[in-house]
Amino acid sequence: MRLARRAGPGTAGPRGVRPPGRGTSLLVAALALAVPAADGASAGGRDPAPVLARHYAPLARVERRAAGALGARVERWRLITARGDTVHALWRAARAGVVRPWTAVMMGGLHTGDRAALLLPEDSPFNALAVSWPWRGPMKLSPAEFALKLPAIERAVLRSPSTLALGVEAVARARGVDPSRIVLVGASLGVPPALAALRLTGGPDAVLLVDGGADL
């Protein structure tokens, strides 16, 4: 595995996405505290693989449907695991005529989700699959709601590496994708899950990490 690029410092907030409010900041803070544990940075240096594996199930099938209203060559993907869990993703194929395009797999932010694939230029010479964060609860939380939902937030964080791993598995099976030209992208709070996903899949041939702090 080779490190394609590590850029930074900086932020990874997409243009046009509003800055987090107080409630959202609580959720972001929870992610910032919980995510490092997913890549083995927790105290004691314990191997995180067994914990990550408990939140992972192999990919069973991929449901794809055209989403032309979102742009050319765009599809909505629904990744379904052997355990029945689902992951939502958005796919944009490389422009026509590109030979053996690279395929980027990434995780969208809290306000962006799988639409992160649409932030890339429409005429990009590579395929892109953006998967949503597994957190499906409210983005704005009061301090009391935050405290009550903290266990669920932690579970969502621990599922994020498996979400990326499933995205890698899905694109590797897709027609027109070269399995030896897949790059895993981690930006801002997505950096630790991207690294942790490597404990669940050996599919990526390159990794791109972009430093940032969720625009905080």
Protein backbone atom coordinates (compact mmCIF):
# COMPACT_ATOMS: atom_id res chain seq x y z
CA MET A 1 0.00 0.00 0.00
CA ARG A 2 1.37 3.41 -0.81
CA LEU A 3 0.53 6.82 0.56
CA ALA A 4 -0.51 8.86 -2.46
CA ARG A 5 -0.59 12.21 -0.74
CA ARG A 6 -0.91 13.84 2.65
CA ALA A 7 -1.96 17.47 2.48
CA GLY A 8 -2.38 20.01 5.22
CA PRO A 9 -2.79 21.65 7.51
CA GLY A 10 -6.18 22.98 6.58
CA THR A 11 -9.86 22.32 6.75
CA ALA A 12 -11.99 20.08 4.65
CA GLY A 13 -15.36 21.79 4.84
CA PRO A 14 -16.98 21.87 1.40
CA ARG A 15 -17.83 25.19 -0.18
CA GLY A 16 -21.38 26.29 0.50
CA VAL A 17 -21.85 24.11 3.59
CA ARG A 18 -22.91 26.15 6.57
CA PRO A 19 -20.67 26.16 9.67
CA PRO A 20 -21.93 24.02 12.54
CA GLY A 21 -24.27 25.55 15.08
CA ARG A 22 -24.11 24.87 18.80
CA GLY A 23 -26.08 21.63 18.62
CA THR A 24 -24.09 20.39 15.67
CA SER A 25 -20.85 21.36 17.39
CA LEU A 26 -21.72 18.98 20.22
CA LEU A 27 -22.11 16.16 17.74
CA VAL A 28 -18.85 17.09 16.00
CA ALA A 29 -17.10 17.23 19.36
CA ALA A 30 -18.35 13.74 20.18
CA LEU A 31 -17.04 12.47 16.86
CA ALA A 32 -13.71 14.18 17.45
CA LEU A 33 -13.38 12.43 20.81
CA ALA A 34 -14.60 9.03 19.69
CA VAL A 35 -13.03 8.69 16.23
CA PRO A 36 -9.39 8.33 17.36
CA ALA A 37 -10.28 5.11 19.18
CA ALA A 38 -11.32 3.64 15.85
CA ASP A 39 -7.79 3.81 14.43
CA GLY A 40 -6.03 2.43 17.48
CA ALA A 41 -5.07 5.71 19.08
CA SER A 42 -6.85 4.86 22.32
CA ALA A 43 -4.97 4.68 25.58
CA GLY A 44 -2.89 1.55 25.96
CA GLY A 45 -2.40 1.07 22.24
CA ARG A 46 -4.72 -1.94 22.12
CA ASP A 47 -5.36 -3.53 18.73
CA PRO A 48 -8.64 -2.01 17.48
CA ALA A 49 -9.28 -4.76 14.92
CA PRO A 50 -11.56 -6.91 17.14
CA VAL A 51 -13.69 -3.87 18.03
CA LEU A 52 -13.94 -2.79 14.40
CA ALA A 53 -14.81 -6.32 13.31
CA ARG A 54 -17.81 -6.38 15.62
CA HIS A 55 -19.26 -3.45 13.69
CA TYR A 56 -18.57 -4.99 10.29
CA ALA A 57 -20.41 -7.53 8.13
CA PRO A 58 -19.46 -8.55 4.57
CA LEU A 59 -21.17 -6.94 1.61
CA ALA A 60 -24.06 -9.07 0.37
CA ARG A 61 -25.38 -7.01 -2.53
CA VAL A 62 -25.52 -3.54 -4.06
CA GLU A 63 -28.72 -1.93 -5.30
CA ARG A 64 -28.11 0.78 -7.93
CA ARG A 65 -30.52 3.22 -9.52
CA ALA A 66 -29.95 6.13 -11.84
CA ALA A 67 -30.04 9.64 -10.37
CA GLY A 68 -29.84 11.76 -13.49
CA ALA A 69 -31.47 14.70 -11.73
CA LEU A 70 -28.25 15.06 -9.72
CA GLY A 71 -26.01 15.18 -12.77
CA ALA A 72 -24.50 13.14 -15.55
CA ARG A 73 -23.41 9.58 -14.75
CA VAL A 74 -24.73 9.76 -11.18
CA GLU A 75 -26.32 6.80 -9.39
CA ARG A 76 -27.67 6.17 -5.92
CA TRP A 77 -26.22 3.02 -4.36
CA ARG A 78 -27.61 1.06 -1.43
CA LEU A 79 -25.05 -1.30 0.08
CA ILE A 80 -26.57 -4.17 2.01
CA THR A 81 -24.49 -6.35 4.32
CA ALA A 82 -24.88 -10.01 5.16
CA ARG A 83 -26.33 -8.86 8.50
CA GLY A 84 -28.96 -6.67 6.84
CA ASP A 85 -27.34 -3.33 7.65
CA THR A 86 -27.54 -0.70 4.91
CA VAL A 87 -25.17 2.01 3.75
CA HIS A 88 -26.25 4.83 1.44
CA ALA A 89 -23.82 6.04 -1.20
CA LEU A 90 -23.68 8.21 -4.29
CA TRP A 91 -21.69 7.22 -7.39
CA ARG A 92 -20.40 9.37 -10.20
CA ALA A 93 -18.58 7.62 -13.02
CA ALA A 94 -15.56 9.11 -14.75
CA ARG A 95 -16.16 11.05 -17.94
CA ALA A 96 -16.28 9.07 -21.16
CA GLY A 97 -13.04 8.12 -22.83
CA VAL A 98 -10.87 7.78 -19.70
CA VAL A 99 -8.83 4.57 -19.82
CA ARG A 100 -8.52 2.67 -16.51
CA PRO A 101 -9.73 5.55 -14.32
CA TRP A 102 -8.90 5.64 -10.65
CA THR A 103 -11.84 5.18 -8.28
CA ALA A 104 -12.04 7.31 -5.13
CA VAL A 105 -14.00 6.10 -2.09
CA MET A 106 -14.73 8.71 0.57
CA MET A 107 -17.05 9.57 3.42
CA GLY A 108 -19.15 12.72 3.31
CA GLY A 109 -19.37 15.07 6.28
CA LEU A 110 -22.25 15.63 8.66
CA HIS A 111 -23.99 18.17 6.41
CA THR A 112 -22.82 16.68 3.11
CA GLY A 113 -23.31 12.94 3.36
CA ASP A 114 -23.09 10.95 0.16
CA ARG A 115 -23.48 14.17 -1.86
CA ALA A 116 -19.78 14.72 -1.31
CA ALA A 117 -19.41 12.97 -4.67
CA LEU A 118 -21.12 15.97 -6.28
CA LEU A 119 -18.55 18.43 -4.90
CA LEU A 120 -16.04 17.08 -7.40
CA PRO A 121 -15.94 18.49 -10.95
CA GLU A 122 -18.50 16.86 -13.21
CA ASP A 123 -15.84 16.18 -15.85
CA SER A 124 -13.48 14.44 -13.42
CA PRO A 125 -11.29 11.74 -15.01
CA PHE A 126 -11.97 9.33 -12.13
CA ASN A 127 -14.87 7.49 -10.56
CA ALA A 128 -16.11 8.62 -7.16
CA LEU A 129 -18.20 6.90 -4.51
CA ALA A 130 -19.18 8.87 -1.42
CA VAL A 131 -20.76 7.02 1.50
CA SER A 132 -22.79 8.69 4.22
CA TRP A 133 -21.78 8.74 7.86
CA PRO A 134 -23.67 5.94 9.63
CA TRP A 135 -25.16 8.44 12.11
CA ARG A 136 -28.83 8.91 11.19
CA GLY A 137 -29.99 10.83 14.21
CA PRO A 138 -30.58 14.58 14.48
CA MET A 139 -27.72 16.91 13.66
CA LYS A 140 -28.69 19.47 16.28
CA LEU A 141 -28.67 18.25 19.87
CA SER A 142 -29.25 20.01 23.16
CA PRO A 143 -26.78 19.16 25.94
CA ALA A 144 -29.36 16.79 27.46
CA GLU A 145 -30.02 15.07 24.12
CA PHE A 146 -26.31 14.85 23.52
CA ALA A 147 -25.79 13.02 26.82
CA LEU A 148 -28.63 10.59 26.11
CA LYS A 149 -27.47 9.82 22.58
CA LEU A 150 -23.75 9.54 23.31
CA PRO A 151 -23.75 5.68 23.23
CA ALA A 152 -25.51 5.73 19.84
CA ILE A 153 -23.05 8.34 18.54
CA GLU A 154 -20.15 6.16 19.64
CA ARG A 155 -21.64 3.13 17.85
CA ALA A 156 -22.02 5.19 14.68
CA VAL A 157 -18.40 6.30 14.91
CA LEU A 158 -17.22 2.73 15.32
CA ARG A 159 -19.29 1.75 12.26
CA SER A 160 -17.68 4.42 10.09
CA PRO A 161 -14.57 2.37 9.16
CA SER A 162 -16.77 -0.56 8.08
CA THR A 163 -18.89 1.86 6.03
CA LEU A 164 -15.80 2.89 4.07
CA ALA A 165 -14.64 -0.72 3.76
CA LEU A 166 -18.02 -1.67 2.30
CA GLY A 167 -17.70 1.17 -0.20
CA VAL A 168 -14.35 -0.24 -1.31
CA GLU A 169 -15.87 -3.71 -1.68
CA ALA A 170 -18.77 -2.32 -3.69
CA VAL A 171 -16.67 -0.42 -6.22
CA ALA A 172 -14.26 -3.34 -6.61
CA ARG A 173 -17.21 -5.41 -7.87
CA ALA A 174 -18.56 -2.72 -10.19
CA ARG A 175 -18.26 -3.06 -13.95
CA GLY A 176 -15.66 -0.75 -15.45
CA VAL A 177 -13.70 -0.38 -12.20
CA ASP A 178 -10.07 -1.48 -12.05
CA PRO A 179 -9.70 -3.11 -8.58
CA SER A 180 -5.99 -2.22 -8.61
CA ARG A 181 -6.74 1.51 -8.95
CA ILE A 182 -8.85 2.31 -5.89
CA VAL A 183 -7.91 5.20 -3.59
CA LEU A 184 -9.36 5.65 -0.12
CA VAL A 185 -9.90 9.31 0.78
CA GLY A 186 -10.08 10.68 4.31
CA ALA A 187 -10.68 14.39 4.89
CA SER A 188 -10.89 16.22 8.21
CA LEU A 189 -12.74 13.99 10.71
CA GLY A 190 -12.76 11.33 7.99
CA VAL A 191 -9.00 10.76 8.35
CA PRO A 192 -9.14 8.32 11.32
CA PRO A 193 -12.00 6.23 9.85
CA ALA A 194 -10.11 6.00 6.55
CA LEU A 195 -7.03 4.68 8.34
CA ALA A 196 -9.12 2.33 10.48
CA ALA A 197 -10.88 0.99 7.39
CA LEU A 198 -7.55 -0.46 6.30
CA ARG A 199 -7.92 -2.96 9.14
CA LEU A 200 -11.07 -4.27 7.45
CA THR A 201 -10.11 -4.21 3.77
CA GLY A 202 -6.94 -4.52 1.77
CA GLY A 203 -8.63 -3.23 -1.38
CA PRO A 204 -7.27 0.33 -1.67
CA ASP A 205 -4.09 0.71 -3.67
CA ALA A 206 -3.55 4.27 -2.45
CA VAL A 207 -4.63 6.53 0.40
CA LEU A 208 -5.22 10.28 0.38
CA LEU A 209 -5.44 12.08 3.73
CA VAL A 210 -6.41 15.74 4.07
CA ASP A 211 -5.80 17.34 7.47
CA GLY A 212 -8.53 19.45 9.01
CA GLY A 213 -10.84 19.86 11.97
CA ALA A 214 -14.39 20.08 10.63
CA ASP A 215 -13.93 23.85 10.21
CA LEU A 216 -13.67 24.24 13.98
